[in-house]
Amino acid sequence: LRNVYRGSTAQVLHARLLEPGRTWHVSELAQCAQVSLSTVHQVCTFLEAQLWMDKAGKGPRAVRVLREPGALLDAWAAAHSLAEYEARRFHRWAREPVELLHAATDALAGAGIEHALTLGSGARLVAPYGTDAERAWVLVPAGAAGRLEGMARASDLLPVEEGEAVTFLVTSERSPLLFRRQVQGFWVASDVQLYLDLWAWPQRGKDQARHLRAERLGY
């Protein structure tokens, strides 16, 4: 594997870390992660070689369980960088933090575009820890990048080079959005994705990541 933490293999890791104690058949994991059976086998071989996963049984009845979810998460976090995203920056004044979140996400939701809050704006909804309520960070797929500026204008968001209030993080990867969930009416990235992004964030990210890990992940 050239980089197990990118592409379809990352989707398998993501699924494993969200349910670390679950015993999986390969076919179940492939369906959950939306990848091929061969991709799952590649990832399992890698995890077993690292002694992070145990296998029981043989053939189609074989099952696997993650032995060291914390070690896997640490390794992935060390390899993850916010530079993997393309940042699109916009500004808008808002009276309340929730108004800013709506400005950043309502047009996306109305257009049926997958998105998820991450970094401080995502963490504030699931595990608050001194997060910056005056800004919003939203993951969006690369396929929607060409429509962002038009939707931003409809929400009175103005493109800026600095001093932004809203940052759209454009990702060409499937994994960051794969296991998003709704929290208080907003789509939010999974706890695993929030941890990865926070750990890679130089602005107070590691403290928030540690808090999220203790409160939500537990490994």
Protein backbone atom coordinates (compact mmCIF):
# COMPACT_ATOMS: atom_id res chain seq x y z
CA LEU A 1 0.00 0.00 0.00
CA ARG A 2 1.43 3.36 -1.03
CA ASN A 3 -0.53 5.25 1.61
CA VAL A 4 -3.05 3.34 3.68
CA TYR A 5 -4.34 6.63 5.12
CA ARG A 6 -5.62 7.96 1.78
CA GLY A 7 -8.16 6.81 -0.78
CA SER A 8 -10.42 3.79 -0.41
CA THR A 9 -8.18 2.16 2.19
CA ALA A 10 -8.78 5.13 4.51
CA GLN A 11 -12.50 4.40 4.29
CA VAL A 12 -11.86 0.96 5.77
CA LEU A 13 -9.76 2.40 8.60
CA HIS A 14 -12.46 4.98 9.27
CA ALA A 15 -15.12 2.30 9.62
CA ARG A 16 -12.90 0.23 11.94
CA LEU A 17 -12.14 3.14 14.25
CA LEU A 18 -15.79 4.16 14.59
CA GLU A 19 -16.64 0.73 15.99
CA PRO A 20 -13.32 -0.43 17.46
CA GLY A 21 -14.72 -3.30 19.50
CA ARG A 22 -16.85 -4.79 16.74
CA THR A 23 -15.99 -8.16 15.19
CA TRP A 24 -16.20 -7.88 11.40
CA HIS A 25 -16.55 -10.23 8.48
CA VAL A 26 -14.74 -8.91 5.40
CA SER A 27 -17.97 -8.61 3.45
CA GLU A 28 -19.61 -6.56 6.23
CA LEU A 29 -16.67 -4.19 6.39
CA ALA A 30 -16.59 -3.76 2.61
CA GLN A 31 -20.27 -2.82 2.59
CA CYS A 32 -19.91 -0.38 5.49
CA ALA A 33 -16.82 1.32 4.03
CA GLN A 34 -18.22 1.26 0.46
CA VAL A 35 -15.14 -0.44 -0.97
CA SER A 36 -14.25 -3.71 -2.68
CA LEU A 37 -13.45 -6.95 -0.88
CA SER A 38 -9.88 -6.80 -2.18
CA THR A 39 -9.40 -3.38 -0.59
CA VAL A 40 -10.57 -4.71 2.77
CA HIS A 41 -8.19 -7.67 2.49
CA GLN A 42 -5.30 -5.28 1.77
CA VAL A 43 -6.10 -3.19 4.83
CA CYS A 44 -6.54 -6.24 7.06
CA THR A 45 -3.16 -7.56 5.94
CA PHE A 46 -1.58 -4.22 6.81
CA LEU A 47 -3.26 -4.02 10.24
CA GLU A 48 -2.33 -7.60 11.10
CA ALA A 49 1.29 -6.92 10.12
CA GLN A 50 1.32 -3.98 12.55
CA LEU A 51 -0.16 -6.24 15.26
CA TRP A 52 -3.08 -3.82 15.52
CA MET A 53 -5.74 -6.36 14.53
CA ASP A 54 -6.53 -10.00 15.35
CA LYS A 55 -7.99 -12.61 13.01
CA ALA A 56 -9.99 -15.66 14.09
CA GLY A 57 -11.04 -18.47 11.80
CA LYS A 58 -10.34 -19.21 8.17
CA GLY A 59 -11.96 -18.58 4.81
CA PRO A 60 -15.32 -16.78 4.50
CA ARG A 61 -16.07 -17.39 8.18
CA ALA A 62 -12.97 -15.58 9.38
CA VAL A 63 -13.62 -12.54 11.56
CA ARG A 64 -11.37 -9.70 12.58
CA VAL A 65 -11.31 -7.33 15.53
CA LEU A 66 -9.17 -4.27 16.12
CA ARG A 67 -6.73 -4.85 18.97
CA GLU A 68 -5.02 -1.43 19.11
CA PRO A 69 -7.39 1.31 17.92
CA GLY A 70 -5.36 3.96 19.73
CA ALA A 71 -2.16 3.04 17.91
CA LEU A 72 -3.96 3.15 14.56
CA LEU A 73 -5.51 6.54 15.32
CA ASP A 74 -2.13 7.94 16.41
CA ALA A 75 -0.46 6.75 13.21
CA TRP A 76 -3.21 8.17 11.03
CA ALA A 77 -3.16 11.51 12.86
CA ALA A 78 0.61 11.73 12.35
CA ALA A 79 0.12 11.25 8.60
CA HIS A 80 -2.87 13.59 8.24
CA SER A 81 -2.51 17.22 7.13
CA LEU A 82 -4.99 20.02 6.49
CA ALA A 83 -2.95 20.69 3.34
CA GLU A 84 -4.84 17.74 1.85
CA TYR A 85 -7.81 20.12 1.55
CA GLU A 86 -8.19 23.13 -0.73
CA ALA A 87 -9.35 26.05 1.41
CA ARG A 88 -11.94 28.51 0.05
CA ARG A 89 -12.27 31.53 2.36
CA PHE A 90 -15.26 33.83 2.79
CA HIS A 91 -16.42 36.49 5.23
CA ARG A 92 -19.77 37.56 6.61
CA TRP A 93 -20.70 39.36 9.77
CA ALA A 94 -23.18 37.48 11.94
CA ARG A 95 -24.93 38.39 15.19
CA GLU A 96 -24.91 34.84 16.54
CA PRO A 97 -22.62 31.83 15.86
CA VAL A 98 -25.57 29.72 14.72
CA GLU A 99 -26.37 32.35 12.08
CA LEU A 100 -22.89 31.92 10.64
CA LEU A 101 -23.29 28.12 10.56
CA HIS A 102 -26.55 28.47 8.69
CA ALA A 103 -24.96 30.87 6.22
CA ALA A 104 -22.23 28.31 5.56
CA THR A 105 -24.44 25.25 5.23
CA ASP A 106 -28.02 26.08 4.23
CA ALA A 107 -27.26 26.63 0.56
CA LEU A 108 -25.26 23.39 0.44
CA ALA A 109 -28.11 21.47 2.03
CA GLY A 110 -30.63 23.05 -0.33
CA ALA A 111 -28.55 21.99 -3.33
CA GLY A 112 -28.22 18.44 -2.02
CA ILE A 113 -24.44 18.73 -1.65
CA GLU A 114 -22.76 16.56 0.95
CA HIS A 115 -20.98 18.61 3.59
CA ALA A 116 -19.92 18.39 7.22
CA LEU A 117 -18.75 20.81 9.87
CA THR A 118 -15.25 20.12 11.14
CA LEU A 119 -12.49 21.68 13.27
CA GLY A 120 -13.80 24.15 15.85
CA SER A 121 -17.33 24.46 14.50
CA GLY A 122 -17.81 20.69 14.45
CA ALA A 123 -16.16 20.07 17.81
CA ARG A 124 -18.26 22.78 19.47
CA LEU A 125 -21.41 20.79 18.72
CA VAL A 126 -20.19 17.41 20.04
CA ALA A 127 -17.47 18.12 22.62
CA PRO A 128 -17.13 21.85 23.41
CA TYR A 129 -13.70 22.94 24.56
CA GLY A 130 -13.11 26.66 24.19
CA THR A 131 -13.83 26.49 20.46
CA ASP A 132 -13.87 29.59 18.28
CA ALA A 133 -17.58 30.33 17.76
CA GLU A 134 -16.86 33.22 15.40
CA ARG A 135 -15.75 30.97 12.53
CA ALA A 136 -17.11 28.02 10.57
CA TRP A 137 -15.23 25.23 8.80
CA VAL A 138 -17.10 23.03 6.35
CA LEU A 139 -15.90 19.96 4.47
CA VAL A 140 -17.26 19.77 0.92
CA PRO A 141 -16.53 17.34 -1.95
CA ALA A 142 -14.35 18.39 -4.86
CA GLY A 143 -17.28 17.87 -7.24
CA ALA A 144 -19.06 20.84 -5.68
CA ALA A 145 -16.09 23.22 -5.77
CA GLY A 146 -17.24 24.96 -8.93
CA ARG A 147 -20.56 25.88 -7.34
CA LEU A 148 -19.22 27.20 -4.05
CA GLU A 149 -18.78 30.84 -5.02
CA GLY A 150 -22.30 31.15 -6.41
CA MET A 151 -23.84 29.56 -3.34
CA ALA A 152 -21.66 31.70 -1.09
CA ARG A 153 -22.92 34.88 -2.75
CA ALA A 154 -26.51 33.71 -2.22
CA SER A 155 -25.70 33.54 1.50
CA ASP A 156 -24.00 36.97 1.48
CA LEU A 157 -20.58 35.40 1.90
CA LEU A 158 -17.81 37.42 0.28
CA PRO A 159 -14.54 35.82 -0.90
CA VAL A 160 -11.48 37.06 1.01
CA GLU A 161 -7.78 36.25 1.22
CA GLU A 162 -7.62 36.65 5.00
CA GLY A 163 -9.83 37.51 7.95
CA GLU A 164 -12.34 34.86 6.89
CA ALA A 165 -15.35 33.80 8.93
CA VAL A 166 -16.19 30.75 6.82
CA THR A 167 -13.72 28.29 5.31
CA PHE A 168 -14.85 25.58 2.92
CA LEU A 169 -12.37 22.70 2.94
CA VAL A 170 -12.61 21.00 -0.43
CA THR A 171 -11.68 17.32 -0.34
CA SER A 172 -11.09 14.91 -3.20
CA GLU A 173 -11.26 12.01 -0.71
CA ARG A 174 -14.43 10.10 0.16
CA SER A 175 -13.47 9.23 3.73
CA PRO A 176 -13.83 12.69 5.39
CA LEU A 177 -17.55 12.84 4.54
CA LEU A 178 -18.38 9.14 4.62
CA PHE A 179 -19.60 8.84 8.21
CA ARG A 180 -21.01 12.31 8.84
CA ARG A 181 -24.04 12.61 11.14
CA GLN A 182 -26.58 15.26 12.09
CA VAL A 183 -26.09 17.13 15.36
CA GLN A 184 -28.46 19.92 16.41
CA GLY A 185 -29.70 20.21 12.83
CA PHE A 186 -26.23 20.41 11.22
CA TRP A 187 -24.19 17.79 9.39
CA VAL A 188 -21.00 17.16 11.39
CA ALA A 189 -17.98 15.03 10.51
CA SER A 190 -17.51 11.79 12.43
CA ASP A 191 -15.62 11.86 15.72
CA VAL A 192 -12.69 10.14 14.01
CA GLN A 193 -12.53 12.77 11.26
CA LEU A 194 -12.92 15.59 13.76
CA TYR A 195 -9.99 14.20 15.74
CA LEU A 196 -7.77 13.91 12.67
CA ASP A 197 -8.55 17.45 11.53
CA LEU A 198 -8.18 18.96 15.00
CA TRP A 199 -4.86 17.21 15.58
CA ALA A 200 -3.54 18.68 12.32
CA TRP A 201 -4.82 22.19 13.19
CA PRO A 202 -2.09 24.48 14.53
CA GLN A 203 -4.55 26.87 16.26
CA ARG A 204 -5.32 25.13 19.58
CA GLY A 205 -6.22 21.99 17.70
CA LYS A 206 -4.30 19.46 19.75
CA ASP A 207 -5.90 20.46 23.05
CA GLN A 208 -9.34 20.21 21.48
CA ALA A 209 -8.39 16.89 19.85
CA ARG A 210 -7.34 15.42 23.21
CA HIS A 211 -10.60 16.56 24.79
CA LEU A 212 -12.67 15.09 21.95
CA ARG A 213 -10.77 11.81 22.15
CA ALA A 214 -11.37 11.48 25.87
CA GLU A 215 -15.01 12.49 25.69
CA ARG A 216 -16.11 10.72 22.50
CA LEU A 217 -13.65 8.05 21.39
CA GLY A 218 -12.30 6.61 24.61
CA TYR A 219 -9.18 4.99 23.17
